Amino acid sequence: MLLFSALSQPLRITGVEIIRDKEVWALATVVFSKYGPDAAQLARKRALSAHRLGDDLGDRIWRQVEEAVLELVRCPDGYERLN
């Protein structure tokens, strides 16, 4: 699956990698559009797979994607309900 390749290289600041929030949400939207309610489970599996392979960046990205997908599921129209 080429979803991971949709992300550009993370920023590096003195050895620390920063994952762009915009790209995480873009990937979460694509995964959610394609897999619907199963998207969070897919992201979790990808994170675990990356973790087992020693890919810390991939693990972090897919965990963030999972969190974003869960937000999309919680609020399907994309807007936070305040009242």
C-alpha atoms as a PDB file:
ATOM      1  CA  MET A   1       0.000   0.000   0.000  1.00  0.00           C
ATOM      2  CA  LEU A   2       1.393   3.395  -0.959  1.00  0.00           C
ATOM      3  CA  LEU A   3      -0.394   5.496   1.661  1.00  0.00           C
ATOM      4  CA  PHE A   4       2.765   5.994   3.702  1.00  0.00           C
ATOM      5  CA  SER A   5       4.562   7.385   0.669  1.00  0.00           C
ATOM      6  CA  ALA A   6       1.955  10.175   0.539  1.00  0.00           C
ATOM      7  CA  LEU A   7       3.839  11.855   3.382  1.00  0.00           C
ATOM      8  CA  SER A   8       6.825  13.989   2.536  1.00  0.00           C
ATOM      9  CA  GLN A   9      10.013  13.660   4.525  1.00  0.00           C
ATOM     10  CA  PRO A  10       9.614  14.880   8.116  1.00  0.00           C
ATOM     11  CA  LEU A  11      11.336  18.049   9.206  1.00  0.00           C
ATOM     12  CA  ARG A  12      14.556  17.516  11.144  1.00  0.00           C
ATOM     13  CA  ILE A  13      15.623  19.942  13.828  1.00  0.00           C
ATOM     14  CA  THR A  14      18.832  18.925  15.621  1.00  0.00           C
ATOM     15  CA  GLY A  15      18.050  15.243  15.266  1.00  0.00           C
ATOM     16  CA  VAL A  16      14.368  15.529  16.214  1.00  0.00           C
ATOM     17  CA  GLU A  17      11.818  14.569  13.586  1.00  0.00           C
ATOM     18  CA  ILE A  18       8.663  16.636  13.337  1.00  0.00           C
ATOM     19  CA  ILE A  19       5.678  15.148  11.557  1.00  0.00           C
ATOM     20  CA  ARG A  20       3.511  17.733   9.844  1.00  0.00           C
ATOM     21  CA  ASP A  21      -0.012  17.731  11.293  1.00  0.00           C
ATOM     22  CA  LYS A  22      -1.497  18.729   7.944  1.00  0.00           C
ATOM     23  CA  GLU A  23      -0.051  15.619   6.304  1.00  0.00           C
ATOM     24  CA  VAL A  24      -1.252  13.338   9.097  1.00  0.00           C
ATOM     25  CA  TRP A  25      -4.796  14.673   8.666  1.00  0.00           C
ATOM     26  CA  ALA A  26      -4.570  14.358   4.879  1.00  0.00           C
ATOM     27  CA  LEU A  27      -3.517  10.714   5.202  1.00  0.00           C
ATOM     28  CA  ALA A  28      -6.206  10.070   7.828  1.00  0.00           C
ATOM     29  CA  THR A  29      -8.822  11.490   5.477  1.00  0.00           C
ATOM     30  CA  VAL A  30      -7.674   9.270   2.610  1.00  0.00           C
ATOM     31  CA  VAL A  31      -7.611   6.156   4.808  1.00  0.00           C
ATOM     32  CA  PHE A  32     -11.031   7.004   6.286  1.00  0.00           C
ATOM     33  CA  SER A  33     -12.513   7.643   2.830  1.00  0.00           C
ATOM     34  CA  LYS A  34     -11.282   4.294   1.584  1.00  0.00           C
ATOM     35  CA  TYR A  35     -11.836   2.063   4.633  1.00  0.00           C
ATOM     36  CA  GLY A  36     -14.589   3.854   6.565  1.00  0.00           C
ATOM     37  CA  PRO A  37     -15.063   2.641  10.143  1.00  0.00           C
ATOM     38  CA  ASP A  38     -12.224   0.108   9.752  1.00  0.00           C
ATOM     39  CA  ALA A  39      -9.671   2.868   9.088  1.00  0.00           C
ATOM     40  CA  ALA A  40      -8.612   3.241  12.732  1.00  0.00           C
ATOM     41  CA  GLN A  41      -7.988  -0.493  13.011  1.00  0.00           C
ATOM     42  CA  LEU A  42      -5.939  -0.406   9.788  1.00  0.00           C
ATOM     43  CA  ALA A  43      -3.839   2.486  11.113  1.00  0.00           C
ATOM     44  CA  ARG A  44      -3.273   0.595  14.387  1.00  0.00           C
ATOM     45  CA  LYS A  45      -2.101  -2.487  12.447  1.00  0.00           C
ATOM     46  CA  ARG A  46       0.255  -0.351  10.361  1.00  0.00           C
ATOM     47  CA  ALA A  47       1.678   1.237  13.523  1.00  0.00           C
ATOM     48  CA  LEU A  48       2.257  -2.166  15.128  1.00  0.00           C
ATOM     49  CA  SER A  49       3.856  -3.483  11.957  1.00  0.00           C
ATOM     50  CA  ALA A  50       6.195  -0.481  11.757  1.00  0.00           C
ATOM     51  CA  HIS A  51       7.046  -0.887  15.447  1.00  0.00           C
ATOM     52  CA  ARG A  52       7.920  -4.571  14.973  1.00  0.00           C
ATOM     53  CA  LEU A  53      10.196  -3.608  12.086  1.00  0.00           C
ATOM     54  CA  GLY A  54      11.958  -1.008  14.232  1.00  0.00           C
ATOM     55  CA  ASP A  55      10.541   1.872  12.196  1.00  0.00           C
ATOM     56  CA  ASP A  56       9.970   4.449  14.942  1.00  0.00           C
ATOM     57  CA  LEU A  57       8.910   7.199  12.553  1.00  0.00           C
ATOM     58  CA  GLY A  58       6.390   4.960  10.787  1.00  0.00           C
ATOM     59  CA  ASP A  59       5.049   3.847  14.164  1.00  0.00           C
ATOM     60  CA  ARG A  60       4.543   7.451  15.302  1.00  0.00           C
ATOM     61  CA  ILE A  61       2.971   8.535  12.026  1.00  0.00           C
ATOM     62  CA  TRP A  62       0.460   5.682  11.959  1.00  0.00           C
ATOM     63  CA  ARG A  63      -0.442   6.236  15.633  1.00  0.00           C
ATOM     64  CA  GLN A  64      -1.147   9.875  14.835  1.00  0.00           C
ATOM     65  CA  VAL A  65      -3.180   8.805  11.818  1.00  0.00           C
ATOM     66  CA  GLU A  66      -5.157   6.462  14.063  1.00  0.00           C
ATOM     67  CA  GLU A  67      -5.923   9.330  16.463  1.00  0.00           C
ATOM     68  CA  ALA A  68      -6.985  11.567  13.568  1.00  0.00           C
ATOM     69  CA  VAL A  69      -9.241   8.845  12.143  1.00  0.00           C
ATOM     70  CA  LEU A  70     -10.863   8.393  15.540  1.00  0.00           C
ATOM     71  CA  GLU A  71     -11.577  12.134  15.543  1.00  0.00           C
ATOM     72  CA  LEU A  72     -13.128  11.845  12.079  1.00  0.00           C
ATOM     73  CA  VAL A  73     -15.322   8.985  13.285  1.00  0.00           C
ATOM     74  CA  ARG A  74     -16.292  10.900  16.413  1.00  0.00           C
ATOM     75  CA  CYS A  75     -17.240  13.944  14.388  1.00  0.00           C
ATOM     76  CA  PRO A  76     -18.198  12.719  10.890  1.00  0.00           C
ATOM     77  CA  ASP A  77     -19.048  16.147   9.475  1.00  0.00           C
ATOM     78  CA  GLY A  78     -15.588  17.447  10.371  1.00  0.00           C
ATOM     79  CA  TYR A  79     -16.734  20.074  12.856  1.00  0.00           C
ATOM     80  CA  GLU A  80     -16.413  20.000  16.613  1.00  0.00           C
ATOM     81  CA  ARG A  81     -19.786  20.097  18.311  1.00  0.00           C
ATOM     82  CA  LEU A  82     -19.647  22.710  21.031  1.00  0.00           C
ATOM     83  CA  ASN A  83     -23.254  22.550  22.245  1.00  0.00           C
END
